[in-house]
Amino acid sequence: MDQKECELELKKTLAEQSVFERVFESCLWSSRLIVILAVVFGLFSSFLLFIAGSAEILGSFHDAVILSTLEVEYSTLLSGIIGGVDLYLIGMVLLIFSFGMYELAISKIDVARCSESYHSLLEIENLDDLKNKIIKVIIMVLIVGFFQRILTMKFSTSTDMLFMAISIGVICIGVYFLQQHKKE
């Protein structure tokens, strides 16, 4: 239905509606603006996570290089960097959530769509699109968290090594299927 047909239909509907129905529907439609709270706090949380991720990386660099006696503790450094990346990814989940909720409930982000750097990150048509984008980033968060844990693990038996290898294999298979789903 184009804009003129919609306006004509709305005029007919408004003429047939009671005042109560018109006011109620107007209030009902305006109530979607409550989503702005989720958008604002999602963005705020995302910014905090980006700052915390940067602090994690700087802190691990400081601990591993500055405080050590010329001997860099690579596992500590890598663990801190991976922890920072993990926080960045969770921040991305919140950014995607905020963009998606705004576009689904309030309005399209016109400034972004006119930008040369517009990215498919903002192409969210329905809740399934939003859910799929968030799930993909959450899977990456889980993978990064898994590898962070592996760095600090102490392997005492060959069974531990076998389970780690199986876990990495399962993650690789999962990422493969995720990429296959993306191509379809």
C-alpha atoms as a PDB file:
ATOM      1  CA  MET A   1       0.000   0.000   0.000  1.00  0.00           C
ATOM      2  CA  ASP A   2       1.512   3.343  -1.016  1.00  0.00           C
ATOM      3  CA  GLN A   3       1.404   6.549   1.055  1.00  0.00           C
ATOM      4  CA  LYS A   4      -1.734   8.043  -0.577  1.00  0.00           C
ATOM      5  CA  GLU A   5      -3.721   4.821  -0.226  1.00  0.00           C
ATOM      6  CA  CYS A   6      -2.664   4.601   3.404  1.00  0.00           C
ATOM      7  CA  GLU A   7      -3.763   8.194   4.101  1.00  0.00           C
ATOM      8  CA  LEU A   8      -7.125   7.618   2.380  1.00  0.00           C
ATOM      9  CA  GLU A   9      -7.675   4.424   4.360  1.00  0.00           C
ATOM     10  CA  LEU A  10      -6.714   6.245   7.566  1.00  0.00           C
ATOM     11  CA  LYS A  11      -9.229   9.037   6.884  1.00  0.00           C
ATOM     12  CA  LYS A  12     -11.994   6.474   6.335  1.00  0.00           C
ATOM     13  CA  THR A  13     -10.992   4.628   9.476  1.00  0.00           C
ATOM     14  CA  LEU A  14     -10.796   7.822  11.564  1.00  0.00           C
ATOM     15  CA  ALA A  15     -14.292   8.807  10.448  1.00  0.00           C
ATOM     16  CA  GLU A  16     -15.637   5.398  11.519  1.00  0.00           C
ATOM     17  CA  GLN A  17     -13.792   5.279  14.856  1.00  0.00           C
ATOM     18  CA  SER A  18     -15.078   6.503  18.161  1.00  0.00           C
ATOM     19  CA  VAL A  19     -13.094   9.124  20.037  1.00  0.00           C
ATOM     20  CA  PHE A  20     -12.113   6.550  22.666  1.00  0.00           C
ATOM     21  CA  GLU A  21     -10.810   4.131  20.038  1.00  0.00           C
ATOM     22  CA  ARG A  22      -8.839   6.874  18.292  1.00  0.00           C
ATOM     23  CA  VAL A  23      -7.250   8.066  21.564  1.00  0.00           C
ATOM     24  CA  PHE A  24      -6.535   4.521  22.726  1.00  0.00           C
ATOM     25  CA  GLU A  25      -4.859   3.544  19.443  1.00  0.00           C
ATOM     26  CA  SER A  26      -2.822   6.738  19.488  1.00  0.00           C
ATOM     27  CA  CYS A  27      -1.624   5.987  23.029  1.00  0.00           C
ATOM     28  CA  LEU A  28      -0.959   2.370  22.113  1.00  0.00           C
ATOM     29  CA  TRP A  29       1.160   3.386  19.122  1.00  0.00           C
ATOM     30  CA  SER A  30       3.047   5.991  21.164  1.00  0.00           C
ATOM     31  CA  SER A  31       3.860   3.423  23.849  1.00  0.00           C
ATOM     32  CA  ARG A  32       6.455   1.909  21.515  1.00  0.00           C
ATOM     33  CA  LEU A  33       8.681   4.855  22.461  1.00  0.00           C
ATOM     34  CA  ILE A  34       9.477   3.054  25.741  1.00  0.00           C
ATOM     35  CA  VAL A  35      12.009   1.166  23.623  1.00  0.00           C
ATOM     36  CA  ILE A  36      14.147   4.304  23.744  1.00  0.00           C
ATOM     37  CA  LEU A  37      15.100   3.314  27.309  1.00  0.00           C
ATOM     38  CA  ALA A  38      16.485  -0.008  26.074  1.00  0.00           C
ATOM     39  CA  VAL A  39      18.319   1.756  23.250  1.00  0.00           C
ATOM     40  CA  VAL A  40      19.898   4.412  25.488  1.00  0.00           C
ATOM     41  CA  PHE A  41      20.950   1.999  28.225  1.00  0.00           C
ATOM     42  CA  GLY A  42      22.176  -0.516  25.638  1.00  0.00           C
ATOM     43  CA  LEU A  43      24.386   2.177  24.099  1.00  0.00           C
ATOM     44  CA  PHE A  44      25.589   3.329  27.518  1.00  0.00           C
ATOM     45  CA  SER A  45      26.439  -0.258  28.503  1.00  0.00           C
ATOM     46  CA  SER A  46      28.221  -0.769  25.201  1.00  0.00           C
ATOM     47  CA  PHE A  47      30.392   2.308  25.759  1.00  0.00           C
ATOM     48  CA  LEU A  48      31.239   1.090  29.267  1.00  0.00           C
ATOM     49  CA  LEU A  49      32.245  -2.313  27.905  1.00  0.00           C
ATOM     50  CA  PHE A  50      34.495  -0.741  25.263  1.00  0.00           C
ATOM     51  CA  ILE A  51      36.184   1.330  27.969  1.00  0.00           C
ATOM     52  CA  ALA A  52      36.500  -1.727  30.241  1.00  0.00           C
ATOM     53  CA  GLY A  53      37.940  -3.789  27.361  1.00  0.00           C
ATOM     54  CA  SER A  54      40.536  -1.119  26.688  1.00  0.00           C
ATOM     55  CA  ALA A  55      41.398  -0.947  30.402  1.00  0.00           C
ATOM     56  CA  GLU A  56      41.732  -4.757  30.484  1.00  0.00           C
ATOM     57  CA  ILE A  57      44.195  -4.721  27.588  1.00  0.00           C
ATOM     58  CA  LEU A  58      46.196  -1.805  29.001  1.00  0.00           C
ATOM     59  CA  GLY A  59      46.216  -3.423  32.451  1.00  0.00           C
ATOM     60  CA  SER A  60      47.489  -6.731  31.113  1.00  0.00           C
ATOM     61  CA  PHE A  61      50.171  -4.924  29.124  1.00  0.00           C
ATOM     62  CA  HIS A  62      51.166  -2.999  32.238  1.00  0.00           C
ATOM     63  CA  ASP A  63      51.249  -6.149  34.385  1.00  0.00           C
ATOM     64  CA  ALA A  64      53.091  -8.276  31.833  1.00  0.00           C
ATOM     65  CA  VAL A  65      55.668  -5.806  30.589  1.00  0.00           C
ATOM     66  CA  ILE A  66      56.099  -2.922  33.018  1.00  0.00           C
ATOM     67  CA  LEU A  67      55.867  -4.806  36.320  1.00  0.00           C
ATOM     68  CA  SER A  68      57.801  -7.871  35.220  1.00  0.00           C
ATOM     69  CA  THR A  69      61.540  -8.105  35.476  1.00  0.00           C
ATOM     70  CA  LEU A  70      62.303  -8.014  31.754  1.00  0.00           C
ATOM     71  CA  GLU A  71      60.625 -11.392  31.377  1.00  0.00           C
ATOM     72  CA  VAL A  72      57.275 -11.041  29.656  1.00  0.00           C
ATOM     73  CA  GLU A  73      54.546 -13.328  30.960  1.00  0.00           C
ATOM     74  CA  TYR A  74      52.950 -14.160  27.595  1.00  0.00           C
ATOM     75  CA  SER A  75      50.074 -16.173  29.008  1.00  0.00           C
ATOM     76  CA  THR A  76      49.097 -13.254  31.259  1.00  0.00           C
ATOM     77  CA  LEU A  77      49.425 -10.799  28.394  1.00  0.00           C
ATOM     78  CA  LEU A  78      47.390 -12.971  26.000  1.00  0.00           C
ATOM     79  CA  SER A  79      44.753 -13.688  28.610  1.00  0.00           C
ATOM     80  CA  GLY A  80      44.275  -9.971  29.237  1.00  0.00           C
ATOM     81  CA  ILE A  81      44.129  -9.151  25.540  1.00  0.00           C
ATOM     82  CA  ILE A  82      41.605 -11.922  24.893  1.00  0.00           C
ATOM     83  CA  GLY A  83      39.585 -10.709  27.888  1.00  0.00           C
ATOM     84  CA  GLY A  84      39.538  -7.222  26.363  1.00  0.00           C
ATOM     85  CA  VAL A  85      38.440  -8.599  22.988  1.00  0.00           C
ATOM     86  CA  ASP A  86      35.698 -10.512  24.793  1.00  0.00           C
ATOM     87  CA  LEU A  87      34.432  -7.270  26.342  1.00  0.00           C
ATOM     88  CA  TYR A  88      34.554  -5.561  22.936  1.00  0.00           C
ATOM     89  CA  LEU A  89      32.451  -8.345  21.418  1.00  0.00           C
ATOM     90  CA  ILE A  90      29.855  -8.100  24.183  1.00  0.00           C
ATOM     91  CA  GLY A  91      29.825  -4.337  23.578  1.00  0.00           C
ATOM     92  CA  MET A  92      29.120  -5.074  19.907  1.00  0.00           C
ATOM     93  CA  VAL A  93      26.186  -7.284  20.927  1.00  0.00           C
ATOM     94  CA  LEU A  94      24.729  -4.347  22.827  1.00  0.00           C
ATOM     95  CA  LEU A  95      25.338  -1.959  19.912  1.00  0.00           C
ATOM     96  CA  ILE A  96      23.608  -4.314  17.476  1.00  0.00           C
ATOM     97  CA  PHE A  97      20.775  -4.738  19.962  1.00  0.00           C
ATOM     98  CA  SER A  98      20.386  -0.962  20.354  1.00  0.00           C
ATOM     99  CA  PHE A  99      20.454  -0.283  16.600  1.00  0.00           C
ATOM    100  CA  GLY A 100      18.037  -3.118  15.930  1.00  0.00           C
ATOM    101  CA  MET A 101      15.551  -2.174  18.626  1.00  0.00           C
ATOM    102  CA  TYR A 102      15.543   1.435  17.455  1.00  0.00           C
ATOM    103  CA  GLU A 103      15.013   0.477  13.816  1.00  0.00           C
ATOM    104  CA  LEU A 104      12.312  -2.068  14.589  1.00  0.00           C
ATOM    105  CA  ALA A 105      10.268  -0.013  17.039  1.00  0.00           C
ATOM    106  CA  ILE A 106      10.997   3.658  16.398  1.00  0.00           C
ATOM    107  CA  SER A 107      12.431   4.577  12.994  1.00  0.00           C
ATOM    108  CA  LYS A 108      15.093   3.692  10.447  1.00  0.00           C
ATOM    109  CA  ILE A 109      18.439   5.361  11.120  1.00  0.00           C
ATOM    110  CA  ASP A 110      18.445   7.646   8.082  1.00  0.00           C
ATOM    111  CA  VAL A 111      21.830   9.231   8.795  1.00  0.00           C
ATOM    112  CA  ALA A 112      23.484   5.823   8.682  1.00  0.00           C
ATOM    113  CA  ARG A 113      21.693   4.756   5.497  1.00  0.00           C
ATOM    114  CA  CYS A 114      22.927   7.888   3.690  1.00  0.00           C
ATOM    115  CA  SER A 115      26.488   7.361   4.902  1.00  0.00           C
ATOM    116  CA  GLU A 116      29.193   5.913   2.659  1.00  0.00           C
ATOM    117  CA  SER A 117      30.242   3.629   5.500  1.00  0.00           C
ATOM    118  CA  TYR A 118      26.753   2.115   5.855  1.00  0.00           C
ATOM    119  CA  HIS A 119      27.089  -1.510   6.804  1.00  0.00           C
ATOM    120  CA  SER A 120      24.788  -4.502   6.760  1.00  0.00           C
ATOM    121  CA  LEU A 121      25.005  -4.365  10.546  1.00  0.00           C
ATOM    122  CA  LEU A 122      22.084  -1.963  10.392  1.00  0.00           C
ATOM    123  CA  GLU A 123      19.992  -3.964   7.923  1.00  0.00           C
ATOM    124  CA  ILE A 124      17.482  -5.344  10.370  1.00  0.00           C
ATOM    125  CA  GLU A 125      14.057  -6.001   8.904  1.00  0.00           C
ATOM    126  CA  ASN A 126      12.479  -8.052  11.687  1.00  0.00           C
ATOM    127  CA  LEU A 127      13.143  -9.669  15.057  1.00  0.00           C
ATOM    128  CA  ASP A 128      14.639 -12.756  13.396  1.00  0.00           C
ATOM    129  CA  ASP A 129      17.296 -10.602  11.687  1.00  0.00           C
ATOM    130  CA  LEU A 130      18.123  -8.965  15.011  1.00  0.00           C
ATOM    131  CA  LYS A 131      18.231 -12.321  16.788  1.00  0.00           C
ATOM    132  CA  ASN A 132      20.501 -13.877  14.133  1.00  0.00           C
ATOM    133  CA  LYS A 133      22.977 -10.996  14.239  1.00  0.00           C
ATOM    134  CA  ILE A 134      23.122 -11.090  18.026  1.00  0.00           C
ATOM    135  CA  ILE A 135      23.482 -14.891  18.115  1.00  0.00           C
ATOM    136  CA  LYS A 136      26.459 -14.776  15.729  1.00  0.00           C
ATOM    137  CA  VAL A 137      28.291 -12.270  17.918  1.00  0.00           C
ATOM    138  CA  ILE A 138      27.417 -14.215  21.086  1.00  0.00           C
ATOM    139  CA  ILE A 139      28.907 -17.349  19.517  1.00  0.00           C
ATOM    140  CA  MET A 140      32.108 -15.391  18.874  1.00  0.00           C
ATOM    141  CA  VAL A 141      32.089 -14.226  22.510  1.00  0.00           C
ATOM    142  CA  LEU A 142      31.816 -17.841  23.652  1.00  0.00           C
ATOM    143  CA  ILE A 143      34.662 -18.924  21.364  1.00  0.00           C
ATOM    144  CA  VAL A 144      36.916 -16.112  22.585  1.00  0.00           C
ATOM    145  CA  GLY A 145      36.047 -16.938  26.207  1.00  0.00           C
ATOM    146  CA  PHE A 146      36.840 -20.597  25.563  1.00  0.00           C
ATOM    147  CA  PHE A 147      40.279 -19.783  24.187  1.00  0.00           C
ATOM    148  CA  GLN A 148      40.954 -17.449  27.097  1.00  0.00           C
ATOM    149  CA  ARG A 149      40.248 -20.331  29.489  1.00  0.00           C
ATOM    150  CA  ILE A 150      42.506 -22.667  27.503  1.00  0.00           C
ATOM    151  CA  LEU A 151      45.424 -20.265  27.919  1.00  0.00           C
ATOM    152  CA  THR A 152      45.210 -20.499  31.692  1.00  0.00           C
ATOM    153  CA  MET A 153      44.516 -24.245  31.882  1.00  0.00           C
ATOM    154  CA  LYS A 154      47.068 -26.603  33.290  1.00  0.00           C
ATOM    155  CA  PHE A 155      47.060 -29.948  31.505  1.00  0.00           C
ATOM    156  CA  SER A 156      47.934 -32.809  33.812  1.00  0.00           C
ATOM    157  CA  THR A 157      46.928 -35.825  31.733  1.00  0.00           C
ATOM    158  CA  SER A 158      46.718 -36.778  28.100  1.00  0.00           C
ATOM    159  CA  THR A 159      42.931 -36.997  28.522  1.00  0.00           C
ATOM    160  CA  ASP A 160      42.876 -33.254  29.253  1.00  0.00           C
ATOM    161  CA  MET A 161      44.715 -32.617  25.989  1.00  0.00           C
ATOM    162  CA  LEU A 162      42.329 -34.925  24.118  1.00  0.00           C
ATOM    163  CA  PHE A 163      39.274 -33.126  25.495  1.00  0.00           C
ATOM    164  CA  MET A 164      40.792 -29.774  24.562  1.00  0.00           C
ATOM    165  CA  ALA A 165      41.436 -30.989  21.005  1.00  0.00           C
ATOM    166  CA  ILE A 166      37.881 -32.337  20.733  1.00  0.00           C
ATOM    167  CA  SER A 167      36.510 -29.032  22.036  1.00  0.00           C
ATOM    168  CA  ILE A 168      38.478 -27.054  19.464  1.00  0.00           C
ATOM    169  CA  GLY A 169      37.287 -29.442  16.736  1.00  0.00           C
ATOM    170  CA  VAL A 170      33.650 -29.002  17.777  1.00  0.00           C
ATOM    171  CA  ILE A 171      34.067 -25.218  17.736  1.00  0.00           C
ATOM    172  CA  CYS A 172      35.594 -25.371  14.245  1.00  0.00           C
ATOM    173  CA  ILE A 173      32.702 -27.507  12.999  1.00  0.00           C
ATOM    174  CA  GLY A 174      30.218 -25.086  14.554  1.00  0.00           C
ATOM    175  CA  VAL A 175      31.878 -22.083  12.902  1.00  0.00           C
ATOM    176  CA  TYR A 176      31.886 -23.950   9.568  1.00  0.00           C
ATOM    177  CA  PHE A 177      28.141 -24.585   9.783  1.00  0.00           C
ATOM    178  CA  LEU A 178      27.551 -20.999  10.869  1.00  0.00           C
ATOM    179  CA  GLN A 179      29.385 -19.795   7.751  1.00  0.00           C
ATOM    180  CA  GLN A 180      27.407 -22.218   5.563  1.00  0.00           C
ATOM    181  CA  HIS A 181      24.162 -20.838   7.006  1.00  0.00           C
ATOM    182  CA  LYS A 182      25.378 -17.304   6.272  1.00  0.00           C
ATOM    183  CA  LYS A 183      25.917 -18.134   2.560  1.00  0.00           C
ATOM    184  CA  GLU A 184      22.351 -19.416   2.123  1.00  0.00           C
END
